[in-house]
Structure formats: structure tokens, C-alpha cells
Amino acid sequence: MAALVVLVMGGILVWRLGDRFGADAESVKSCTERGGVKHTDAGHDGYAWTRDFVCANRSETPLYLTVDGTERIGTLETRRSWFVCWELGRVQGGEATVWYYTQGDRTEAGGERWEGWGFAGAEHVDVSAHPPPNMPRCRFDSASPE
């Protein structure tokens, strides 16, 4: 009888831990929306965002000047980064066409003019759906998007 109790309790413990780890894995694939921040993009005439989305991404994620180009201007070194908007562009690995705009942790040589601002391919951003809900599409036609 004692062995049966231990077996049942062990099964319940494994089941509960599995739920917790499953929830943790799902939260990694979501972005946290933040307000009250300010990110100013000098390369686009002082365009400023007061909201961003912190998402998991691969470290050493390359940033490109445009969604269709290959000019690398920055790098995300961290495993969680903030992004301000998304745009459609050239196909990446896995057939993704969504690109996320952010400022890199490191500016590549030649990218100083843009202060590391660029686009990261969706293949490097770990979210359950591209683009995440509520993240705006990139628009650079006014001084501030919001």
C-alpha cells in the first residue's frame, strides 16, 4: 500500500511540474508589452515610441538597415530585447517575412549613423505568433507613431 501511495504522489508531482514547465515555456514565447518608455530613433528624424514589446530572441541576432536589404548595422547580444514595431520584408529561414524594429546592443562598423537601429528577422524572435498581438506595424511618416 505504501508503494502505491508513493507511486501516485510521484505521478501527481511529475504532472504538476510538467504543467509549470509548460506554462514557463509558453511565457517565453510571449512578449511583454510596456508603456511609459521612450525610444528615440535619430535616424528617422527623432521618431519616438512610448511603448515597446520585450520578447525572447536569439543572442547575436543581426539587425539590418531595411527589411529587404543585406546591410547589417547592429546586433542584439541579449536573449530578451525590446521591439517597437514590425514590417513585412524578404523571406528568411522558415519562410518568415515579418521583421521587428529595435535598437541593437552593439552597432556594427558603418552603422553609426543609424545608432544601431535596424530590423531583426522573425526567425530570431521566439514568439508564438508573428507579429505578436498589439504590436504596431512600422510607420515612419510622422514625428511620433503614438
N, C-alpha and C. Protein backbone atom coordinates (compact mmCIF):
# COMPACT_ATOMS: atom_id res chain seq x y z
N MET A 1 0.82 -1.19 0.00
CA MET A 1 0.00 0.00 0.00
C MET A 1 0.87 1.26 0.00
N ALA A 2 1.92 1.27 0.81
CA ALA A 2 2.82 2.43 0.88
C ALA A 2 3.45 2.69 -0.48
N ALA A 3 3.81 1.62 -1.19
CA ALA A 3 4.42 1.77 -2.52
C ALA A 3 3.43 2.41 -3.49
N LEU A 4 2.16 2.03 -3.38
CA LEU A 4 1.13 2.60 -4.25
C LEU A 4 0.96 4.09 -3.97
N VAL A 5 0.96 4.48 -2.70
CA VAL A 5 0.84 5.89 -2.32
C VAL A 5 2.02 6.68 -2.88
N VAL A 6 3.24 6.14 -2.74
CA VAL A 6 4.43 6.82 -3.26
C VAL A 6 4.34 6.97 -4.78
N LEU A 7 3.88 5.93 -5.45
CA LEU A 7 3.75 5.96 -6.91
C LEU A 7 2.74 7.02 -7.34
N VAL A 8 1.58 7.05 -6.67
CA VAL A 8 0.54 8.04 -7.01
C VAL A 8 1.04 9.46 -6.73
N MET A 9 1.66 9.67 -5.57
CA MET A 9 2.16 11.01 -5.23
C MET A 9 3.25 11.44 -6.21
N GLY A 10 4.12 10.52 -6.58
CA GLY A 10 5.16 10.84 -7.56
C GLY A 10 4.57 11.22 -8.89
N GLY A 11 3.53 10.50 -9.31
CA GLY A 11 2.85 10.82 -10.57
C GLY A 11 2.22 12.20 -10.54
N ILE A 12 1.59 12.54 -9.42
CA ILE A 12 0.98 13.87 -9.28
C ILE A 12 2.05 14.95 -9.33
N LEU A 13 3.17 14.72 -8.66
CA LEU A 13 4.25 15.69 -8.65
C LEU A 13 4.80 15.92 -10.06
N VAL A 14 5.03 14.84 -10.81
CA VAL A 14 5.52 14.96 -12.19
C VAL A 14 4.51 15.70 -13.04
N TRP A 15 3.23 15.37 -12.88
CA TRP A 15 2.17 16.03 -13.65
C TRP A 15 2.13 17.53 -13.35
N ARG A 16 2.21 17.92 -12.08
CA ARG A 16 2.17 19.34 -11.70
C ARG A 16 3.41 20.08 -12.20
N LEU A 17 4.58 19.46 -12.07
CA LEU A 17 5.80 20.10 -12.57
C LEU A 17 5.74 20.26 -14.08
N GLY A 18 5.19 19.27 -14.76
CA GLY A 18 5.04 19.37 -16.21
C GLY A 18 4.17 20.55 -16.60
N ASP A 19 3.08 20.77 -15.86
CA ASP A 19 2.23 21.94 -16.11
C ASP A 19 3.00 23.22 -15.93
N ARG A 20 3.79 23.30 -14.85
CA ARG A 20 4.54 24.53 -14.58
C ARG A 20 5.57 24.78 -15.66
N PHE A 21 6.30 23.75 -16.07
CA PHE A 21 7.30 23.95 -17.10
C PHE A 21 6.65 24.27 -18.44
N GLY A 22 5.50 23.69 -18.72
CA GLY A 22 4.78 24.01 -19.95
C GLY A 22 4.37 25.47 -19.95
N ALA A 23 3.88 25.97 -18.82
CA ALA A 23 3.49 27.37 -18.72
C ALA A 23 4.71 28.27 -18.88
N ASP A 24 5.84 27.88 -18.26
CA ASP A 24 7.06 28.68 -18.41
C ASP A 24 7.51 28.72 -19.85
N ALA A 25 7.44 27.59 -20.54
CA ALA A 25 7.84 27.55 -21.95
C ALA A 25 6.93 28.45 -22.78
N GLU A 26 5.63 28.46 -22.46
CA GLU A 26 4.70 29.31 -23.20
C GLU A 26 4.96 30.78 -22.92
N SER A 27 5.30 31.14 -21.66
CA SER A 27 5.56 32.55 -21.35
C SER A 27 6.82 33.04 -22.05
N VAL A 28 7.77 32.14 -22.32
CA VAL A 28 8.97 32.52 -23.06
C VAL A 28 8.59 32.92 -24.48
N LYS A 29 7.54 32.32 -25.03
CA LYS A 29 7.13 32.60 -26.39
C LYS A 29 6.16 33.78 -26.49
N SER A 30 6.01 34.52 -25.41
CA SER A 30 5.15 35.70 -25.45
C SER A 30 6.00 36.94 -25.23
N CYS A 31 5.44 38.06 -25.62
CA CYS A 31 6.12 39.34 -25.41
C CYS A 31 5.40 40.09 -24.30
N THR A 32 6.14 40.87 -23.56
CA THR A 32 5.57 41.72 -22.53
C THR A 32 5.46 43.12 -23.08
N GLU A 33 4.25 43.63 -23.15
CA GLU A 33 4.02 44.99 -23.64
C GLU A 33 4.28 45.97 -22.51
N ARG A 34 5.06 47.02 -22.80
CA ARG A 34 5.38 48.03 -21.79
C ARG A 34 5.01 49.42 -22.31
N GLY A 35 4.42 50.21 -21.43
CA GLY A 35 4.16 51.61 -21.71
C GLY A 35 5.09 52.46 -20.86
N GLY A 36 5.09 53.76 -21.10
CA GLY A 36 5.89 54.66 -20.29
C GLY A 36 7.38 54.60 -20.57
N VAL A 37 7.75 54.07 -21.72
CA VAL A 37 9.15 54.04 -22.13
C VAL A 37 9.34 55.09 -23.21
N LYS A 38 10.57 55.40 -23.54
CA LYS A 38 10.81 56.32 -24.65
C LYS A 38 12.04 55.86 -25.41
N HIS A 39 11.83 55.55 -26.68
CA HIS A 39 12.91 55.16 -27.58
C HIS A 39 12.87 56.14 -28.75
N THR A 40 13.95 56.88 -28.94
CA THR A 40 14.00 57.88 -30.00
C THR A 40 14.99 57.44 -31.06
N ASP A 41 14.52 57.44 -32.29
CA ASP A 41 15.31 57.00 -33.43
C ASP A 41 15.80 58.22 -34.20
N ALA A 42 17.03 58.63 -33.92
CA ALA A 42 17.60 59.81 -34.57
C ALA A 42 17.72 59.63 -36.08
N GLY A 43 17.87 58.39 -36.52
CA GLY A 43 17.98 58.12 -37.96
C GLY A 43 16.71 58.38 -38.73
N HIS A 44 15.59 58.47 -38.04
CA HIS A 44 14.30 58.79 -38.67
C HIS A 44 13.76 60.10 -38.08
N ASP A 45 14.61 61.12 -38.04
CA ASP A 45 14.22 62.47 -37.61
C ASP A 45 13.59 62.52 -36.23
N GLY A 46 14.13 61.78 -35.29
CA GLY A 46 13.63 61.85 -33.92
C GLY A 46 12.35 61.10 -33.67
N TYR A 47 12.00 60.19 -34.56
CA TYR A 47 10.81 59.36 -34.38
C TYR A 47 10.88 58.70 -33.01
N ALA A 48 9.82 58.79 -32.20
CA ALA A 48 9.87 58.28 -30.83
C ALA A 48 8.70 57.34 -30.54
N TRP A 49 9.00 56.32 -29.76
CA TRP A 49 7.99 55.38 -29.30
C TRP A 49 7.89 55.47 -27.79
N THR A 50 6.66 55.38 -27.27
CA THR A 50 6.45 55.39 -25.82
C THR A 50 5.92 54.03 -25.34
N ARG A 51 5.97 53.06 -26.23
CA ARG A 51 5.53 51.70 -25.91
C ARG A 51 6.46 50.73 -26.63
N ASP A 52 6.81 49.63 -25.97
CA ASP A 52 7.62 48.60 -26.63
C ASP A 52 7.14 47.23 -26.20
N PHE A 53 7.76 46.21 -26.76
CA PHE A 53 7.41 44.82 -26.51
C PHE A 53 8.71 44.06 -26.24
N VAL A 54 8.84 43.52 -25.04
CA VAL A 54 10.04 42.77 -24.69
C VAL A 54 9.78 41.30 -25.01
N CYS A 55 10.62 40.75 -25.88
CA CYS A 55 10.43 39.38 -26.37
C CYS A 55 11.74 38.61 -26.27
N ALA A 56 11.61 37.29 -26.22
CA ALA A 56 12.80 36.43 -26.25
C ALA A 56 13.35 36.43 -27.68
N ASN A 57 14.66 36.42 -27.77
CA ASN A 57 15.31 36.35 -29.07
C ASN A 57 16.63 35.61 -28.92
N ARG A 58 17.18 35.19 -30.03
CA ARG A 58 18.48 34.53 -30.00
C ARG A 58 19.56 35.58 -29.74
N SER A 59 20.55 35.21 -28.95
CA SER A 59 21.67 36.14 -28.79
C SER A 59 22.43 36.19 -30.11
N GLU A 60 23.11 37.29 -30.33
CA GLU A 60 23.84 37.55 -31.58
C GLU A 60 22.90 37.64 -32.77
N THR A 61 21.70 38.19 -32.54
CA THR A 61 20.74 38.40 -33.63
C THR A 61 21.19 39.59 -34.47
N PRO A 62 21.34 39.40 -35.78
CA PRO A 62 21.76 40.51 -36.64
C PRO A 62 20.61 41.47 -36.90
N LEU A 63 20.94 42.76 -37.02
CA LEU A 63 19.97 43.79 -37.39
C LEU A 63 20.37 44.36 -38.74
N TYR A 64 19.37 44.58 -39.59
CA TYR A 64 19.61 45.07 -40.94
C TYR A 64 18.95 46.44 -41.13
N LEU A 65 19.55 47.25 -41.99
CA LEU A 65 19.06 48.60 -42.24
C LEU A 65 17.63 48.58 -42.79
N THR A 66 17.34 47.66 -43.69
CA THR A 66 15.99 47.56 -44.26
C THR A 66 15.53 46.11 -44.22
N VAL A 67 14.24 45.89 -44.42
CA VAL A 67 13.68 44.54 -44.41
C VAL A 67 13.98 43.78 -45.70
N ASP A 68 14.43 44.49 -46.71
CA ASP A 68 14.74 43.84 -47.99
C ASP A 68 16.23 43.81 -48.29
N GLY A 69 17.03 44.50 -47.49
CA GLY A 69 18.45 44.59 -47.76
C GLY A 69 19.28 43.59 -46.97
N THR A 70 20.58 43.67 -47.20
CA THR A 70 21.51 42.77 -46.51
C THR A 70 22.58 43.55 -45.75
N GLU A 71 22.41 44.89 -45.64
CA GLU A 71 23.38 45.71 -44.92
C GLU A 71 23.16 45.55 -43.41
N ARG A 72 24.09 44.87 -42.77
CA ARG A 72 24.00 44.62 -41.33
C ARG A 72 24.54 45.84 -40.59
N ILE A 73 23.70 46.40 -39.67
CA ILE A 73 24.11 47.62 -38.98
C ILE A 73 24.19 47.47 -37.47
N GLY A 74 23.68 46.37 -36.93
CA GLY A 74 23.71 46.20 -35.49
C GLY A 74 23.52 44.75 -35.09
N THR A 75 23.61 44.50 -33.76
CA THR A 75 23.46 43.15 -33.23
C THR A 75 22.76 43.22 -31.88
N LEU A 76 21.84 42.28 -31.65
CA LEU A 76 21.25 42.09 -30.33
C LEU A 76 22.08 41.03 -29.62
N GLU A 77 22.69 41.39 -28.50
CA GLU A 77 23.53 40.45 -27.78
C GLU A 77 22.77 39.72 -26.68
N THR A 78 21.68 40.29 -26.21
CA THR A 78 20.92 39.72 -25.10
C THR A 78 19.91 38.68 -25.60
N ARG A 79 19.36 37.90 -24.68
CA ARG A 79 18.37 36.87 -25.03
C ARG A 79 16.93 37.38 -24.91
N ARG A 80 16.75 38.58 -24.38
CA ARG A 80 15.45 39.26 -24.36
C ARG A 80 15.71 40.70 -24.75
N SER A 81 14.95 41.18 -25.70
CA SER A 81 15.15 42.53 -26.22
C SER A 81 13.81 43.21 -26.41
N TRP A 82 13.85 44.54 -26.53
CA TRP A 82 12.61 45.27 -26.80
C TRP A 82 12.53 45.56 -28.30
N PHE A 83 11.29 45.56 -28.77
CA PHE A 83 10.98 45.84 -30.17
C PHE A 83 9.83 46.84 -30.18
N VAL A 84 9.80 47.73 -31.18
CA VAL A 84 8.76 48.77 -31.19
C VAL A 84 7.71 48.58 -32.28
N CYS A 85 8.05 47.87 -33.35
CA CYS A 85 7.09 47.67 -34.42
C CYS A 85 7.58 46.55 -35.34
N TRP A 86 6.75 46.21 -36.32
CA TRP A 86 7.10 45.15 -37.26
C TRP A 86 6.80 45.60 -38.68
N GLU A 87 7.41 44.91 -39.63
CA GLU A 87 7.19 45.20 -41.05
C GLU A 87 7.37 43.90 -41.84
N LEU A 88 6.78 43.84 -43.02
CA LEU A 88 6.98 42.69 -43.91
C LEU A 88 8.17 42.96 -44.82
N GLY A 89 8.92 41.90 -45.11
CA GLY A 89 10.09 42.05 -45.97
C GLY A 89 10.50 40.74 -46.60
N ARG A 90 11.76 40.68 -46.96
CA ARG A 90 12.26 39.50 -47.66
C ARG A 90 12.09 38.24 -46.81
N VAL A 91 11.99 37.13 -47.49
CA VAL A 91 11.82 35.83 -46.84
C VAL A 91 13.11 35.45 -46.12
N GLN A 92 12.94 34.91 -44.90
CA GLN A 92 14.06 34.42 -44.10
C GLN A 92 13.94 32.91 -44.00
N GLY A 93 14.82 32.29 -43.23
CA GLY A 93 14.72 30.86 -42.98
C GLY A 93 13.36 30.52 -42.42
N GLY A 94 12.80 29.40 -42.83
CA GLY A 94 11.48 29.00 -42.35
C GLY A 94 10.35 29.76 -43.03
N GLU A 95 10.64 30.49 -44.07
CA GLU A 95 9.66 31.22 -44.88
C GLU A 95 9.01 32.40 -44.16
N ALA A 96 9.59 32.88 -43.06
CA ALA A 96 9.05 34.04 -42.35
C ALA A 96 9.31 35.31 -43.15
N THR A 97 8.37 36.23 -43.13
CA THR A 97 8.53 37.52 -43.82
C THR A 97 8.38 38.70 -42.87
N VAL A 98 8.16 38.44 -41.57
CA VAL A 98 7.99 39.51 -40.58
C VAL A 98 9.37 39.91 -40.05
N TRP A 99 9.57 41.22 -39.91
CA TRP A 99 10.80 41.79 -39.37
C TRP A 99 10.43 42.74 -38.24
N TYR A 100 11.26 42.77 -37.18
CA TYR A 100 10.99 43.59 -35.99
C TYR A 100 12.03 44.69 -35.88
N TYR A 101 11.57 45.90 -35.54
CA TYR A 101 12.43 47.07 -35.46
C TYR A 101 12.85 47.35 -34.02
N THR A 102 14.14 47.57 -33.83
CA THR A 102 14.69 47.81 -32.50
C THR A 102 16.05 48.51 -32.63
N GLN A 103 16.64 48.80 -31.50
CA GLN A 103 18.00 49.34 -31.46
C GLN A 103 18.91 48.27 -30.91
N GLY A 104 19.99 47.99 -31.62
CA GLY A 104 20.90 46.93 -31.22
C GLY A 104 21.69 47.24 -29.97
N ASP A 105 22.21 46.19 -29.36
CA ASP A 105 23.10 46.34 -28.22
C ASP A 105 24.49 46.75 -28.68
N ARG A 106 24.78 46.41 -29.92
CA ARG A 106 26.08 46.76 -30.49
C ARG A 106 25.87 47.26 -31.92
N THR A 107 26.51 48.38 -32.25
CA THR A 107 26.44 48.92 -33.61
C THR A 107 27.61 48.37 -34.41
N GLU A 108 27.31 47.88 -35.60
CA GLU A 108 28.36 47.36 -36.47
C GLU A 108 29.09 48.52 -37.15
N ALA A 109 30.31 48.28 -37.54
CA ALA A 109 31.09 49.30 -38.26
C ALA A 109 30.31 49.74 -39.49
N GLY A 110 30.18 51.04 -39.66
CA GLY A 110 29.42 51.60 -40.76
C GLY A 110 27.97 51.90 -40.40
N GLY A 111 27.50 51.40 -39.27
CA GLY A 111 26.11 51.62 -38.87
C GLY A 111 25.94 52.73 -37.86
N GLU A 112 27.02 53.47 -37.60
CA GLU A 112 26.97 54.52 -36.57
C GLU A 112 25.91 55.58 -36.86
N ARG A 113 25.74 55.91 -38.12
CA ARG A 113 24.75 56.93 -38.50
C ARG A 113 23.35 56.54 -38.02
N TRP A 114 23.07 55.26 -37.97
CA TRP A 114 21.75 54.77 -37.59
C TRP A 114 21.68 54.41 -36.11
N GLU A 115 22.78 54.59 -35.39
CA GLU A 115 22.83 54.32 -33.95
C GLU A 115 22.35 52.91 -33.60
N GLY A 116 22.61 51.97 -34.49
CA GLY A 116 22.26 50.58 -34.24
C GLY A 116 20.81 50.21 -34.47
N TRP A 117 19.97 51.15 -34.93
CA TRP A 117 18.57 50.85 -35.19
C TRP A 117 18.46 50.02 -36.46
N GLY A 118 17.69 48.93 -36.37
CA GLY A 118 17.51 48.10 -37.54
C GLY A 118 16.45 47.04 -37.33
N PHE A 119 16.35 46.17 -38.31
CA PHE A 119 15.32 45.13 -38.33
C PHE A 119 15.92 43.76 -38.05
N ALA A 120 15.26 43.03 -37.14
CA ALA A 120 15.63 41.65 -36.82
C ALA A 120 14.60 40.72 -37.46
N GLY A 121 15.07 39.68 -38.10
CA GLY A 121 14.17 38.72 -38.72
C GLY A 121 13.38 37.93 -37.69
N ALA A 122 12.14 37.60 -38.03
CA ALA A 122 11.28 36.83 -37.13
C ALA A 122 11.89 35.48 -36.77
N GLU A 123 12.74 34.96 -37.63
CA GLU A 123 13.36 33.66 -37.34
C GLU A 123 14.24 33.72 -36.08
N HIS A 124 14.60 34.93 -35.64
CA HIS A 124 15.44 35.10 -34.46
C HIS A 124 14.64 35.50 -33.22
N VAL A 125 13.33 35.75 -33.37
CA VAL A 125 12.48 36.19 -32.26
C VAL A 125 11.52 35.06 -31.92
N ASP A 126 11.52 34.63 -30.67
CA ASP A 126 10.78 33.46 -30.25
C ASP A 126 9.43 33.84 -29.67
N VAL A 127 8.43 33.94 -30.54
CA VAL A 127 7.05 34.23 -30.12
C VAL A 127 6.13 33.19 -30.74
N SER A 128 4.95 33.02 -30.15
CA SER A 128 4.03 32.00 -30.65
C SER A 128 3.35 32.42 -31.95
N ALA A 129 3.26 33.72 -32.23
CA ALA A 129 2.66 34.20 -33.48
C ALA A 129 3.41 35.44 -33.94
N HIS A 130 3.67 35.52 -35.23
CA HIS A 130 4.35 36.69 -35.81
C HIS A 130 3.34 37.49 -36.63
N PRO A 131 3.18 38.76 -36.38
CA PRO A 131 3.69 39.54 -35.25
C PRO A 131 2.84 39.31 -34.00
N PRO A 132 3.39 39.64 -32.83
CA PRO A 132 2.60 39.49 -31.59
C PRO A 132 1.39 40.42 -31.59
N PRO A 133 0.33 40.04 -30.89
CA PRO A 133 -0.85 40.90 -30.79
C PRO A 133 -0.49 42.28 -30.23
N ASN A 134 -1.13 43.30 -30.73
CA ASN A 134 -1.00 44.69 -30.30
C ASN A 134 0.27 45.39 -30.77
N MET A 135 1.26 44.66 -31.31
CA MET A 135 2.46 45.35 -31.78
C MET A 135 2.10 46.06 -33.09
N PRO A 136 2.40 47.37 -33.17
CA PRO A 136 2.03 48.12 -34.37
C PRO A 136 2.95 47.82 -35.55
N ARG A 137 2.42 48.05 -36.73
CA ARG A 137 3.24 47.98 -37.93
C ARG A 137 4.09 49.24 -37.98
N CYS A 138 5.29 49.16 -38.53
CA CYS A 138 6.20 50.31 -38.58
C CYS A 138 5.68 51.36 -39.56
N ARG A 139 5.65 52.60 -39.09
CA ARG A 139 5.27 53.76 -39.91
C ARG A 139 6.22 54.88 -39.54
N PHE A 140 6.94 55.39 -40.50
CA PHE A 140 7.92 56.44 -40.24
C PHE A 140 7.53 57.76 -40.91
N ASP A 141 6.23 58.01 -41.06
CA ASP A 141 5.78 59.17 -41.81
C ASP A 141 5.43 60.39 -40.95
N SER A 142 5.66 60.30 -39.63
CA SER A 142 5.42 61.45 -38.76
C SER A 142 6.46 61.43 -37.65
N ALA A 143 6.49 62.44 -36.82
CA ALA A 143 7.49 62.54 -35.77
C ALA A 143 7.32 61.49 -34.68
N SER A 144 6.11 61.02 -34.47
CA SER A 144 5.90 60.02 -33.43
C SER A 144 4.69 59.17 -33.79
N PRO A 145 4.77 57.84 -33.60
CA PRO A 145 3.68 56.96 -34.01
C PRO A 145 2.49 56.96 -33.07
N GLU A 146 2.63 57.49 -31.87
CA GLU A 146 1.54 57.33 -30.91
C GLU A 146 1.03 58.65 -30.38
